[in-house]
Amino acid sequence: RHFSAGVVHMRATTMVLGAIVFTQVANVLNCRTNTVSVFKKGLFKNKNIWYGIIFEIILFFILTVTPGIQQVFNTTILTMSDWLFLFLLPVPLVLLDELRKWLMYHHKNI
């Protein structure tokens, strides 16, 4: 029973850390502009942002799969469904901010 609780705790710790990493991906994309759609500005125009995002995801991956580092950060290997959840996590956050920008623009022009 104690071992099972430890595994659940490590997975939860890893998912929380992953959620922070991937919501920061949405945050950096949303912060590129306060009023103009990130899609109009060019989602892939700033390559340095994408280098940072890729580096952050690789670093998170290393934290989850490297023995020794796993023990230090109390992380564990994630399932494919965990990774899918994390990669999809920024999507609604970006879309909600796009809706906010659209509403602000159209509210000004009414």
PDB file of N, CA and C in Angstrom:
ATOM      1  N   ARG A   1       0.839  -1.202   0.000  1.00  0.00           N
ATOM      2  CA  ARG A   1       0.000   0.000   0.000  1.00  0.00           C
ATOM      3  C   ARG A   1       0.879   1.259   0.000  1.00  0.00           C
ATOM      4  N   HIS A   2       1.921   1.276   0.796  1.00  0.00           N
ATOM      5  CA  HIS A   2       2.805   2.446   0.849  1.00  0.00           C
ATOM      6  C   HIS A   2       3.481   2.671  -0.498  1.00  0.00           C
ATOM      7  N   PHE A   3       3.922   1.572  -1.152  1.00  0.00           N
ATOM      8  CA  PHE A   3       4.565   1.694  -2.459  1.00  0.00           C
ATOM      9  C   PHE A   3       3.605   2.296  -3.472  1.00  0.00           C
ATOM     10  N   SER A   4       2.357   1.843  -3.469  1.00  0.00           N
ATOM     11  CA  SER A   4       1.351   2.343  -4.408  1.00  0.00           C
ATOM     12  C   SER A   4       1.135   3.840  -4.218  1.00  0.00           C
ATOM     13  N   ALA A   5       1.049   4.267  -2.970  1.00  0.00           N
ATOM     14  CA  ALA A   5       0.851   5.694  -2.697  1.00  0.00           C
ATOM     15  C   ALA A   5       2.061   6.489  -3.186  1.00  0.00           C
ATOM     16  N   GLY A   6       3.266   5.925  -3.060  1.00  0.00           N
ATOM     17  CA  GLY A   6       4.466   6.600  -3.530  1.00  0.00           C
ATOM     18  C   GLY A   6       4.472   6.771  -5.033  1.00  0.00           C
ATOM     19  N   VAL A   7       4.028   5.750  -5.760  1.00  0.00           N
ATOM     20  CA  VAL A   7       3.971   5.816  -7.219  1.00  0.00           C
ATOM     21  C   VAL A   7       2.952   6.871  -7.659  1.00  0.00           C
ATOM     22  N   VAL A   8       1.813   6.887  -7.010  1.00  0.00           N
ATOM     23  CA  VAL A   8       0.777   7.873  -7.328  1.00  0.00           C
ATOM     24  C   VAL A   8       1.291   9.279  -7.036  1.00  0.00           C
ATOM     25  N   HIS A   9       1.983   9.442  -5.930  1.00  0.00           N
ATOM     26  CA  HIS A   9       2.524  10.751  -5.560  1.00  0.00           C
ATOM     27  C   HIS A   9       3.565  11.218  -6.579  1.00  0.00           C
ATOM     28  N   MET A  10       4.454  10.309  -7.016  1.00  0.00           N
ATOM     29  CA  MET A  10       5.466  10.688  -7.997  1.00  0.00           C
ATOM     30  C   MET A  10       4.818  11.063  -9.332  1.00  0.00           C
ATOM     31  N   ARG A  11       3.798  10.318  -9.730  1.00  0.00           N
ATOM     32  CA  ARG A  11       3.123  10.650 -10.993  1.00  0.00           C
ATOM     33  C   ARG A  11       2.419  11.998 -10.869  1.00  0.00           C
ATOM     34  N   ALA A  12       1.779  12.235  -9.738  1.00  0.00           N
ATOM     35  CA  ALA A  12       1.105  13.511  -9.524  1.00  0.00           C
ATOM     36  C   ALA A  12       2.110  14.658  -9.524  1.00  0.00           C
ATOM     37  N   THR A  13       3.239  14.480  -8.872  1.00  0.00           N
ATOM     38  CA  THR A  13       4.288  15.499  -8.855  1.00  0.00           C
ATOM     39  C   THR A  13       4.777  15.788 -10.266  1.00  0.00           C
ATOM     40  N   THR A  14       4.977  14.735 -11.044  1.00  0.00           N
ATOM     41  CA  THR A  14       5.451  14.885 -12.420  1.00  0.00           C
ATOM     42  C   THR A  14       4.412  15.613 -13.271  1.00  0.00           C
ATOM     43  N   MET A  15       3.150  15.265 -13.112  1.00  0.00           N
ATOM     44  CA  MET A  15       2.094  15.910 -13.898  1.00  0.00           C
ATOM     45  C   MET A  15       1.926  17.383 -13.514  1.00  0.00           C
ATOM     46  N   VAL A  16       2.077  17.706 -12.246  1.00  0.00           N
ATOM     47  CA  VAL A  16       1.989  19.114 -11.825  1.00  0.00           C
ATOM     48  C   VAL A  16       3.140  19.906 -12.448  1.00  0.00           C
ATOM     49  N   LEU A  17       4.338  19.355 -12.385  1.00  0.00           N
ATOM     50  CA  LEU A  17       5.482  20.020 -13.003  1.00  0.00           C
ATOM     51  C   LEU A  17       5.261  20.167 -14.507  1.00  0.00           C
ATOM     52  N   GLY A  18       4.753  19.118 -15.140  1.00  0.00           N
ATOM     53  CA  GLY A  18       4.452  19.175 -16.574  1.00  0.00           C
ATOM     54  C   GLY A  18       3.384  20.201 -16.891  1.00  0.00           C
ATOM     55  N   ALA A  19       2.368  20.282 -16.061  1.00  0.00           N
ATOM     56  CA  ALA A  19       1.310  21.270 -16.280  1.00  0.00           C
ATOM     57  C   ALA A  19       1.868  22.689 -16.195  1.00  0.00           C
ATOM     58  N   ILE A  20       2.778  22.924 -15.273  1.00  0.00           N
ATOM     59  CA  ILE A  20       3.414  24.243 -15.165  1.00  0.00           C
ATOM     60  C   ILE A  20       4.209  24.546 -16.427  1.00  0.00           C
ATOM     61  N   VAL A  21       4.992  23.581 -16.884  1.00  0.00           N
ATOM     62  CA  VAL A  21       5.806  23.775 -18.096  1.00  0.00           C
ATOM     63  C   VAL A  21       4.914  24.078 -19.291  1.00  0.00           C
ATOM     64  N   PHE A  22       3.877  23.282 -19.495  1.00  0.00           N
ATOM     65  CA  PHE A  22       3.060  23.430 -20.691  1.00  0.00           C
ATOM     66  C   PHE A  22       2.103  24.626 -20.624  1.00  0.00           C
ATOM     67  N   THR A  23       1.676  25.026 -19.434  1.00  0.00           N
ATOM     68  CA  THR A  23       0.881  26.257 -19.365  1.00  0.00           C
ATOM     69  C   THR A  23       1.765  27.474 -19.606  1.00  0.00           C
ATOM     70  N   GLN A  24       3.053  27.355 -19.286  1.00  0.00           N
ATOM     71  CA  GLN A  24       3.972  28.447 -19.603  1.00  0.00           C
ATOM     72  C   GLN A  24       4.183  28.575 -21.112  1.00  0.00           C
ATOM     73  N   VAL A  25       4.044  27.472 -21.833  1.00  0.00           N
ATOM     74  CA  VAL A  25       4.085  27.533 -23.294  1.00  0.00           C
ATOM     75  C   VAL A  25       2.937  28.417 -23.781  1.00  0.00           C
ATOM     76  N   ALA A  26       1.734  28.176 -23.261  1.00  0.00           N
ATOM     77  CA  ALA A  26       0.586  29.011 -23.629  1.00  0.00           C
ATOM     78  C   ALA A  26       0.822  30.452 -23.207  1.00  0.00           C
ATOM     79  N   ASN A  27       1.374  30.639 -22.024  1.00  0.00           N
ATOM     80  CA  ASN A  27       1.609  31.985 -21.514  1.00  0.00           C
ATOM     81  C   ASN A  27       2.552  32.782 -22.410  1.00  0.00           C
ATOM     82  N   VAL A  28       3.647  32.157 -22.847  1.00  0.00           N
ATOM     83  CA  VAL A  28       4.605  32.890 -23.684  1.00  0.00           C
ATOM     84  C   VAL A  28       3.975  33.227 -25.032  1.00  0.00           C
ATOM     85  N   LEU A  29       3.150  32.341 -25.560  1.00  0.00           N
ATOM     86  CA  LEU A  29       2.478  32.645 -26.824  1.00  0.00           C
ATOM     87  C   LEU A  29       1.451  33.761 -26.639  1.00  0.00           C
ATOM     88  N   ASN A  30       0.721  33.717 -25.536  1.00  0.00           N
ATOM     89  CA  ASN A  30      -0.290  34.744 -25.263  1.00  0.00           C
ATOM     90  C   ASN A  30       0.330  36.105 -24.985  1.00  0.00           C
ATOM     91  N   CYS A  31       1.503  36.128 -24.407  1.00  0.00           N
ATOM     92  CA  CYS A  31       2.146  37.394 -24.034  1.00  0.00           C
ATOM     93  C   CYS A  31       2.820  38.104 -25.208  1.00  0.00           C
ATOM     94  N   ARG A  32       2.873  37.459 -26.349  1.00  0.00           N
ATOM     95  CA  ARG A  32       3.515  38.098 -27.505  1.00  0.00           C
ATOM     96  C   ARG A  32       2.797  39.371 -27.899  1.00  0.00           C
ATOM     97  N   THR A  33       1.483  39.422 -27.672  1.00  0.00           N
ATOM     98  CA  THR A  33       0.700  40.610 -27.997  1.00  0.00           C
ATOM     99  C   THR A  33      -0.539  40.655 -27.111  1.00  0.00           C
ATOM    100  N   ASN A  34      -0.932  41.862 -26.722  1.00  0.00           N
ATOM    101  CA  ASN A  34      -2.125  42.012 -25.882  1.00  0.00           C
ATOM    102  C   ASN A  34      -3.403  42.193 -26.682  1.00  0.00           C
ATOM    103  N   THR A  35      -3.268  42.649 -27.923  1.00  0.00           N
ATOM    104  CA  THR A  35      -4.475  42.989 -28.675  1.00  0.00           C
ATOM    105  C   THR A  35      -4.600  42.246 -30.006  1.00  0.00           C
ATOM    106  N   VAL A  36      -3.492  41.961 -30.651  1.00  0.00           N
ATOM    107  CA  VAL A  36      -3.521  41.312 -31.968  1.00  0.00           C
ATOM    108  C   VAL A  36      -3.435  39.797 -31.777  1.00  0.00           C
ATOM    109  N   SER A  37      -4.166  39.068 -32.591  1.00  0.00           N
ATOM    110  CA  SER A  37      -4.137  37.615 -32.545  1.00  0.00           C
ATOM    111  C   SER A  37      -2.721  37.107 -32.782  1.00  0.00           C
ATOM    112  N   VAL A  38      -2.316  36.121 -32.009  1.00  0.00           N
ATOM    113  CA  VAL A  38      -1.002  35.522 -32.188  1.00  0.00           C
ATOM    114  C   VAL A  38      -0.917  34.854 -33.564  1.00  0.00           C
ATOM    115  N   PHE A  39      -2.059  34.457 -34.105  1.00  0.00           N
ATOM    116  CA  PHE A  39      -2.076  33.837 -35.422  1.00  0.00           C
ATOM    117  C   PHE A  39      -1.862  34.879 -36.518  1.00  0.00           C
ATOM    118  N   LYS A  40      -2.375  36.094 -36.303  1.00  0.00           N
ATOM    119  CA  LYS A  40      -2.127  37.183 -37.261  1.00  0.00           C
ATOM    120  C   LYS A  40      -0.683  37.658 -37.171  1.00  0.00           C
ATOM    121  N   LYS A  41      -0.168  37.681 -35.966  1.00  0.00           N
ATOM    122  CA  LYS A  41       1.215  38.142 -35.763  1.00  0.00           C
ATOM    123  C   LYS A  41       2.212  37.131 -36.335  1.00  0.00           C
ATOM    124  N   GLY A  42       1.806  35.876 -36.389  1.00  0.00           N
ATOM    125  CA  GLY A  42       2.682  34.816 -36.895  1.00  0.00           C
ATOM    126  C   GLY A  42       3.096  33.893 -35.772  1.00  0.00           C
ATOM    127  N   LEU A  43       2.439  32.775 -35.692  1.00  0.00           N
ATOM    128  CA  LEU A  43       2.673  31.833 -34.599  1.00  0.00           C
ATOM    129  C   LEU A  43       4.119  31.356 -34.546  1.00  0.00           C
ATOM    130  N   PHE A  44       4.746  31.174 -35.694  1.00  0.00           N
ATOM    131  CA  PHE A  44       6.107  30.642 -35.729  1.00  0.00           C
ATOM    132  C   PHE A  44       7.137  31.679 -36.158  1.00  0.00           C
ATOM    133  N   LYS A  45       6.738  32.946 -36.140  1.00  0.00           N
ATOM    134  CA  LYS A  45       7.624  34.006 -36.624  1.00  0.00           C
ATOM    135  C   LYS A  45       8.853  34.208 -35.725  1.00  0.00           C
ATOM    136  N   ASN A  46       8.657  34.118 -34.413  1.00  0.00           N
ATOM    137  CA  ASN A  46       9.760  34.311 -33.472  1.00  0.00           C
ATOM    138  C   ASN A  46      10.384  32.951 -33.148  1.00  0.00           C
ATOM    139  N   LYS A  47      11.458  32.620 -33.833  1.00  0.00           N
ATOM    140  CA  LYS A  47      12.102  31.311 -33.667  1.00  0.00           C
ATOM    141  C   LYS A  47      12.706  31.137 -32.269  1.00  0.00           C
ATOM    142  N   ASN A  48      13.162  32.222 -31.662  1.00  0.00           N
ATOM    143  CA  ASN A  48      13.764  32.115 -30.327  1.00  0.00           C
ATOM    144  C   ASN A  48      12.760  31.627 -29.291  1.00  0.00           C
ATOM    145  N   ILE A  49      11.512  32.058 -29.425  1.00  0.00           N
ATOM    146  CA  ILE A  49      10.477  31.562 -28.513  1.00  0.00           C
ATOM    147  C   ILE A  49      10.347  30.049 -28.663  1.00  0.00           C
ATOM    148  N   TRP A  50      10.332  29.585 -29.902  1.00  0.00           N
ATOM    149  CA  TRP A  50      10.175  28.152 -30.137  1.00  0.00           C
ATOM    150  C   TRP A  50      11.397  27.366 -29.691  1.00  0.00           C
ATOM    151  N   TYR A  51      12.604  27.939 -29.822  1.00  0.00           N
ATOM    152  CA  TYR A  51      13.795  27.278 -29.284  1.00  0.00           C
ATOM    153  C   TYR A  51      13.660  27.120 -27.768  1.00  0.00           C
ATOM    154  N   GLY A  52      13.171  28.163 -27.110  1.00  0.00           N
ATOM    155  CA  GLY A  52      12.966  28.106 -25.658  1.00  0.00           C
ATOM    156  C   GLY A  52      11.923  27.078 -25.265  1.00  0.00           C
ATOM    157  N   ILE A  53      10.830  27.014 -26.014  1.00  0.00           N
ATOM    158  CA  ILE A  53       9.771  26.042 -25.741  1.00  0.00           C
ATOM    159  C   ILE A  53      10.307  24.625 -25.902  1.00  0.00           C
ATOM    160  N   ILE A  54      11.019  24.375 -26.987  1.00  0.00           N
ATOM    161  CA  ILE A  54      11.574  23.043 -27.231  1.00  0.00           C
ATOM    162  C   ILE A  54      12.575  22.675 -26.138  1.00  0.00           C
ATOM    163  N   PHE A  55      13.438  23.628 -25.754  1.00  0.00           N
ATOM    164  CA  PHE A  55      14.402  23.374 -24.686  1.00  0.00           C
ATOM    165  C   PHE A  55      13.686  23.031 -23.381  1.00  0.00           C
ATOM    166  N   GLU A  56      12.646  23.776 -23.061  1.00  0.00           N
ATOM    167  CA  GLU A  56      11.894  23.555 -21.823  1.00  0.00           C
ATOM    168  C   GLU A  56      11.252  22.168 -21.814  1.00  0.00           C
ATOM    169  N   ILE A  57      10.694  21.743 -22.931  1.00  0.00           N
ATOM    170  CA  ILE A  57      10.056  20.425 -23.012  1.00  0.00           C
ATOM    171  C   ILE A  57      11.102  19.315 -22.923  1.00  0.00           C
ATOM    172  N   ILE A  58      12.241  19.493 -23.589  1.00  0.00           N
ATOM    173  CA  ILE A  58      13.317  18.490 -23.505  1.00  0.00           C
ATOM    174  C   ILE A  58      13.836  18.385 -22.076  1.00  0.00           C
ATOM    175  N   LEU A  59      14.015  19.520 -21.420  1.00  0.00           N
ATOM    176  CA  LEU A  59      14.475  19.518 -20.031  1.00  0.00           C
ATOM    177  C   LEU A  59      13.471  18.790 -19.132  1.00  0.00           C
ATOM    178  N   PHE A  60      12.188  19.055 -19.322  1.00  0.00           N
ATOM    179  CA  PHE A  60      11.157  18.354 -18.550  1.00  0.00           C
ATOM    180  C   PHE A  60      11.225  16.853 -18.822  1.00  0.00           C
ATOM    181  N   PHE A  61      11.389  16.473 -20.091  1.00  0.00           N
ATOM    182  CA  PHE A  61      11.495  15.056 -20.449  1.00  0.00           C
ATOM    183  C   PHE A  61      12.678  14.410 -19.731  1.00  0.00           C
ATOM    184  N   ILE A  62      13.812  15.089 -19.712  1.00  0.00           N
ATOM    185  CA  ILE A  62      15.005  14.570 -19.020  1.00  0.00           C
ATOM    186  C   ILE A  62      14.718  14.371 -17.534  1.00  0.00           C
ATOM    187  N   LEU A  63      13.994  15.317 -16.934  1.00  0.00           N
ATOM    188  CA  LEU A  63      13.649  15.202 -15.509  1.00  0.00           C
ATOM    189  C   LEU A  63      12.758  13.999 -15.234  1.00  0.00           C
ATOM    190  N   THR A  64      12.007  13.563 -16.243  1.00  0.00           N
ATOM    191  CA  THR A  64      11.063  12.471 -16.017  1.00  0.00           C
ATOM    192  C   THR A  64      11.626  11.092 -16.343  1.00  0.00           C
ATOM    193  N   VAL A  65      12.704  11.010 -17.104  1.00  0.00           N
ATOM    194  CA  VAL A  65      13.190   9.692 -17.530  1.00  0.00           C
ATOM    195  C   VAL A  65      14.581   9.332 -17.030  1.00  0.00           C
ATOM    196  N   THR A  66      15.306  10.273 -16.463  1.00  0.00           N
ATOM    197  CA  THR A  66      16.688  10.015 -16.079  1.00  0.00           C
ATOM    198  C   THR A  66      16.780   9.548 -14.629  1.00  0.00           C
ATOM    199  N   PRO A  67      17.204   8.281 -14.438  1.00  0.00           N
ATOM    200  CA  PRO A  67      17.395   7.801 -13.062  1.00  0.00           C
ATOM    201  C   PRO A  67      18.393   8.709 -12.338  1.00  0.00           C
ATOM    202  N   GLY A  68      18.175   8.887 -11.082  1.00  0.00           N
ATOM    203  CA  GLY A  68      19.010   9.811 -10.302  1.00  0.00           C
ATOM    204  C   GLY A  68      18.353  11.177 -10.267  1.00  0.00           C
ATOM    205  N   ILE A  69      18.108  11.728 -11.433  1.00  0.00           N
ATOM    206  CA  ILE A  69      17.391  13.014 -11.496  1.00  0.00           C
ATOM    207  C   ILE A  69      15.940  12.811 -11.063  1.00  0.00           C
ATOM    208  N   GLN A  70      15.373  11.655 -11.431  1.00  0.00           N
ATOM    209  CA  GLN A  70      14.003  11.349 -11.001  1.00  0.00           C
ATOM    210  C   GLN A  70      13.893  11.385  -9.471  1.00  0.00           C
ATOM    211  N   GLN A  71      14.862  10.797  -8.803  1.00  0.00           N
ATOM    212  CA  GLN A  71      14.819  10.755  -7.339  1.00  0.00           C
ATOM    213  C   GLN A  71      14.958  12.150  -6.743  1.00  0.00           C
ATOM    214  N   VAL A  72      15.805  12.981  -7.326  1.00  0.00           N
ATOM    215  CA  VAL A  72      16.009  14.332  -6.803  1.00  0.00           C
ATOM    216  C   VAL A  72      14.719  15.151  -6.926  1.00  0.00           C
ATOM    217  N   PHE A  73      14.043  15.031  -8.073  1.00  0.00           N
ATOM    218  CA  PHE A  73      12.847  15.842  -8.317  1.00  0.00           C
ATOM    219  C   PHE A  73      11.556  15.090  -8.034  1.00  0.00           C
ATOM    220  N   ASN A  74      11.671  13.837  -7.584  1.00  0.00           N
ATOM    221  CA  ASN A  74      10.511  13.007  -7.252  1.00  0.00           C
ATOM    222  C   ASN A  74       9.572  12.860  -8.458  1.00  0.00           C
ATOM    223  N   THR A  75      10.163  12.618  -9.636  1.00  0.00           N
ATOM    224  CA  THR A  75       9.390  12.461 -10.861  1.00  0.00           C
ATOM    225  C   THR A  75       9.431  11.015 -11.325  1.00  0.00           C
ATOM    226  N   THR A  76       8.602  10.713 -12.317  1.00  0.00           N
ATOM    227  CA  THR A  76       8.547   9.374 -12.872  1.00  0.00           C
ATOM    228  C   THR A  76       8.227   9.456 -14.360  1.00  0.00           C
ATOM    229  N   ILE A  77       8.381   8.336 -15.052  1.00  0.00           N
ATOM    230  CA  ILE A  77       8.059   8.262 -16.475  1.00  0.00           C
ATOM    231  C   ILE A  77       6.548   8.406 -16.639  1.00  0.00           C
ATOM    232  N   LEU A  78       6.133   9.196 -17.628  1.00  0.00           N
ATOM    233  CA  LEU A  78       4.713   9.416 -17.889  1.00  0.00           C
ATOM    234  C   LEU A  78       4.216   8.496 -19.001  1.00  0.00           C
ATOM    235  N   THR A  79       2.919   8.255 -19.004  1.00  0.00           N
ATOM    236  CA  THR A  79       2.300   7.448 -20.058  1.00  0.00           C
ATOM    237  C   THR A  79       2.067   8.323 -21.289  1.00  0.00           C
ATOM    238  N   MET A  80       1.765   7.676 -22.401  1.00  0.00           N
ATOM    239  CA  MET A  80       1.470   8.424 -23.630  1.00  0.00           C
ATOM    240  C   MET A  80       0.240   9.312 -23.435  1.00  0.00           C
ATOM    241  N   SER A  81      -0.753   8.840 -22.702  1.00  0.00           N
ATOM    242  CA  SER A  81      -1.940   9.671 -22.468  1.00  0.00           C
ATOM    243  C   SER A  81      -1.598  10.879 -21.600  1.00  0.00           C
ATOM    244  N   ASP A  82      -0.660  10.739 -20.673  1.00  0.00           N
ATOM    245  CA  ASP A  82      -0.189  11.885 -19.874  1.00  0.00           C
ATOM    246  C   ASP A  82       0.448  12.930 -20.794  1.00  0.00           C
ATOM    247  N   TRP A  83       1.335  12.462 -21.691  1.00  0.00           N
ATOM    248  CA  TRP A  83       2.012  13.378 -22.616  1.00  0.00           C
ATOM    249  C   TRP A  83       1.012  14.050 -23.544  1.00  0.00           C
ATOM    250  N   LEU A  84       0.030  13.299 -24.019  1.00  0.00           N
ATOM    251  CA  LEU A  84      -1.003  13.875 -24.888  1.00  0.00           C
ATOM    252  C   LEU A  84      -1.753  14.974 -24.145  1.00  0.00           C
ATOM    253  N   PHE A  85      -2.135  14.704 -22.901  1.00  0.00           N
ATOM    254  CA  PHE A  85      -2.817  15.710 -22.088  1.00  0.00           C
ATOM    255  C   PHE A  85      -1.959  16.968 -21.959  1.00  0.00           C
ATOM    256  N   LEU A  86      -0.677  16.792 -21.641  1.00  0.00           N
ATOM    257  CA  LEU A  86       0.207  17.943 -21.448  1.00  0.00           C
ATOM    258  C   LEU A  86       0.383  18.749 -22.737  1.00  0.00           C
ATOM    259  N   PHE A  87       0.560  18.055 -23.878  1.00  0.00           N
ATOM    260  CA  PHE A  87       0.738  18.768 -25.140  1.00  0.00           C
ATOM    261  C   PHE A  87      -0.538  19.494 -25.570  1.00  0.00           C
ATOM    262  N   LEU A  88      -1.707  18.977 -25.173  1.00  0.00           N
ATOM    263  CA  LEU A  88      -2.970  19.638 -25.523  1.00  0.00           C
ATOM    264  C   LEU A  88      -3.349  20.735 -24.526  1.00  0.00           C
ATOM    265  N   LEU A  89      -2.748  20.730 -23.370  1.00  0.00           N
ATOM    266  CA  LEU A  89      -3.073  21.700 -22.318  1.00  0.00           C
ATOM    267  C   LEU A  89      -2.970  23.160 -22.755  1.00  0.00           C
ATOM    268  N   PRO A  90      -1.966  23.561 -23.521  1.00  0.00           N
ATOM    269  CA  PRO A  90      -1.893  24.965 -23.934  1.00  0.00           C
ATOM    270  C   PRO A  90      -2.989  25.391 -24.915  1.00  0.00           C
ATOM    271  N   VAL A  91      -3.577  24.453 -25.643  1.00  0.00           N
ATOM    272  CA  VAL A  91      -4.526  24.800 -26.700  1.00  0.00           C
ATOM    273  C   VAL A  91      -5.711  25.614 -26.181  1.00  0.00           C
ATOM    274  N   PRO A  92      -6.463  25.142 -25.167  1.00  0.00           N
ATOM    275  CA  PRO A  92      -7.584  25.968 -24.706  1.00  0.00           C
ATOM    276  C   PRO A  92      -7.136  27.296 -24.091  1.00  0.00           C
ATOM    277  N   LEU A  93      -5.947  27.325 -23.497  1.00  0.00           N
ATOM    278  CA  LEU A  93      -5.463  28.567 -22.900  1.00  0.00           C
ATOM    279  C   LEU A  93      -5.164  29.611 -23.974  1.00  0.00           C
ATOM    280  N   VAL A  94      -4.567  29.181 -25.074  1.00  0.00           N
ATOM    281  CA  VAL A  94      -4.303  30.104 -26.188  1.00  0.00           C
ATOM    282  C   VAL A  94      -5.619  30.524 -26.825  1.00  0.00           C
ATOM    283  N   LEU A  95      -6.523  29.572 -27.032  1.00  0.00           N
ATOM    284  CA  LEU A  95      -7.802  29.902 -27.671  1.00  0.00           C
ATOM    285  C   LEU A  95      -8.646  30.846 -26.804  1.00  0.00           C
ATOM    286  N   LEU A  96      -8.620  30.657 -25.499  1.00  0.00           N
ATOM    287  CA  LEU A  96      -9.351  31.570 -24.610  1.00  0.00           C
ATOM    288  C   LEU A  96      -8.775  32.983 -24.673  1.00  0.00           C
ATOM    289  N   ASP A  97      -7.463  33.093 -24.748  1.00  0.00           N
ATOM    290  CA  ASP A  97      -6.857  34.420 -24.854  1.00  0.00           C
ATOM    291  C   ASP A  97      -7.167  35.038 -26.215  1.00  0.00           C
ATOM    292  N   GLU A  98      -7.219  34.216 -27.257  1.00  0.00           N
ATOM    293  CA  GLU A  98      -7.605  34.711 -28.575  1.00  0.00           C
ATOM    294  C   GLU A  98      -9.043  35.235 -28.542  1.00  0.00           C
ATOM    295  N   LEU A  99      -9.921  34.551 -27.836  1.00  0.00           N
ATOM    296  CA  LEU A  99     -11.302  35.013 -27.684  1.00  0.00           C
ATOM    297  C   LEU A  99     -11.334  36.344 -26.941  1.00  0.00           C
ATOM    298  N   ARG A 100     -10.530  36.461 -25.878  1.00  0.00           N
ATOM    299  CA  ARG A 100     -10.454  37.722 -25.134  1.00  0.00           C
ATOM    300  C   ARG A 100     -10.007  38.863 -26.041  1.00  0.00           C
ATOM    301  N   LYS A 101      -8.985  38.626 -26.856  1.00  0.00           N
ATOM    302  CA  LYS A 101      -8.486  39.660 -27.772  1.00  0.00           C
ATOM    303  C   LYS A 101      -9.554  40.025 -28.800  1.00  0.00           C
ATOM    304  N   TRP A 102     -10.246  39.032 -29.313  1.00  0.00           N
ATOM    305  CA  TRP A 102     -11.299  39.267 -30.302  1.00  0.00           C
ATOM    306  C   TRP A 102     -12.427  40.101 -29.689  1.00  0.00           C
ATOM    307  N   LEU A 103     -12.850  39.737 -28.470  1.00  0.00           N
ATOM    308  CA  LEU A 103     -13.918  40.481 -27.787  1.00  0.00           C
ATOM    309  C   LEU A 103     -13.491  41.915 -27.492  1.00  0.00           C
ATOM    310  N   MET A 104     -12.236  42.111 -27.080  1.00  0.00           N
ATOM    311  CA  MET A 104     -11.746  43.468 -26.815  1.00  0.00           C
ATOM    312  C   MET A 104     -11.755  44.296 -28.086  1.00  0.00           C
ATOM    313  N   TYR A 105     -11.317  43.709 -29.183  1.00  0.00           N
ATOM    314  CA  TYR A 105     -11.274  44.429 -30.470  1.00  0.00           C
ATOM    315  C   TYR A 105     -12.681  44.783 -30.931  1.00  0.00           C
ATOM    316  N   HIS A 106     -13.589  43.839 -30.862  1.00  0.00           N
ATOM    317  CA  HIS A 106     -14.949  44.087 -31.340  1.00  0.00           C
ATOM    318  C   HIS A 106     -15.751  44.971 -30.386  1.00  0.00           C
ATOM    319  N   HIS A 107     -15.429  44.916 -29.118  1.00  0.00           N
ATOM    320  CA  HIS A 107     -16.105  45.790 -28.161  1.00  0.00           C
ATOM    321  C   HIS A 107     -15.722  47.259 -28.414  1.00  0.00           C
ATOM    322  N   LYS A 108     -14.464  47.483 -28.778  1.00  0.00           N
ATOM    323  CA  LYS A 108     -14.006  48.847 -29.078  1.00  0.00           C
ATOM    324  C   LYS A 108     -14.681  49.401 -30.325  1.00  0.00           C
ATOM    325  N   ASN A 109     -14.981  48.525 -31.276  1.00  0.00           N
ATOM    326  CA  ASN A 109     -15.524  48.962 -32.563  1.00  0.00           C
ATOM    327  C   ASN A 109     -17.052  48.945 -32.620  1.00  0.00           C
ATOM    328  N   ILE A 110     -17.697  48.777 -31.497  1.00  0.00           N
ATOM    329  CA  ILE A 110     -19.172  48.791 -31.477  1.00  0.00           C
ATOM    330  C   ILE A 110     -19.689  50.193 -31.275  1.00  0.00           C
TER     331      ILE A 110
END
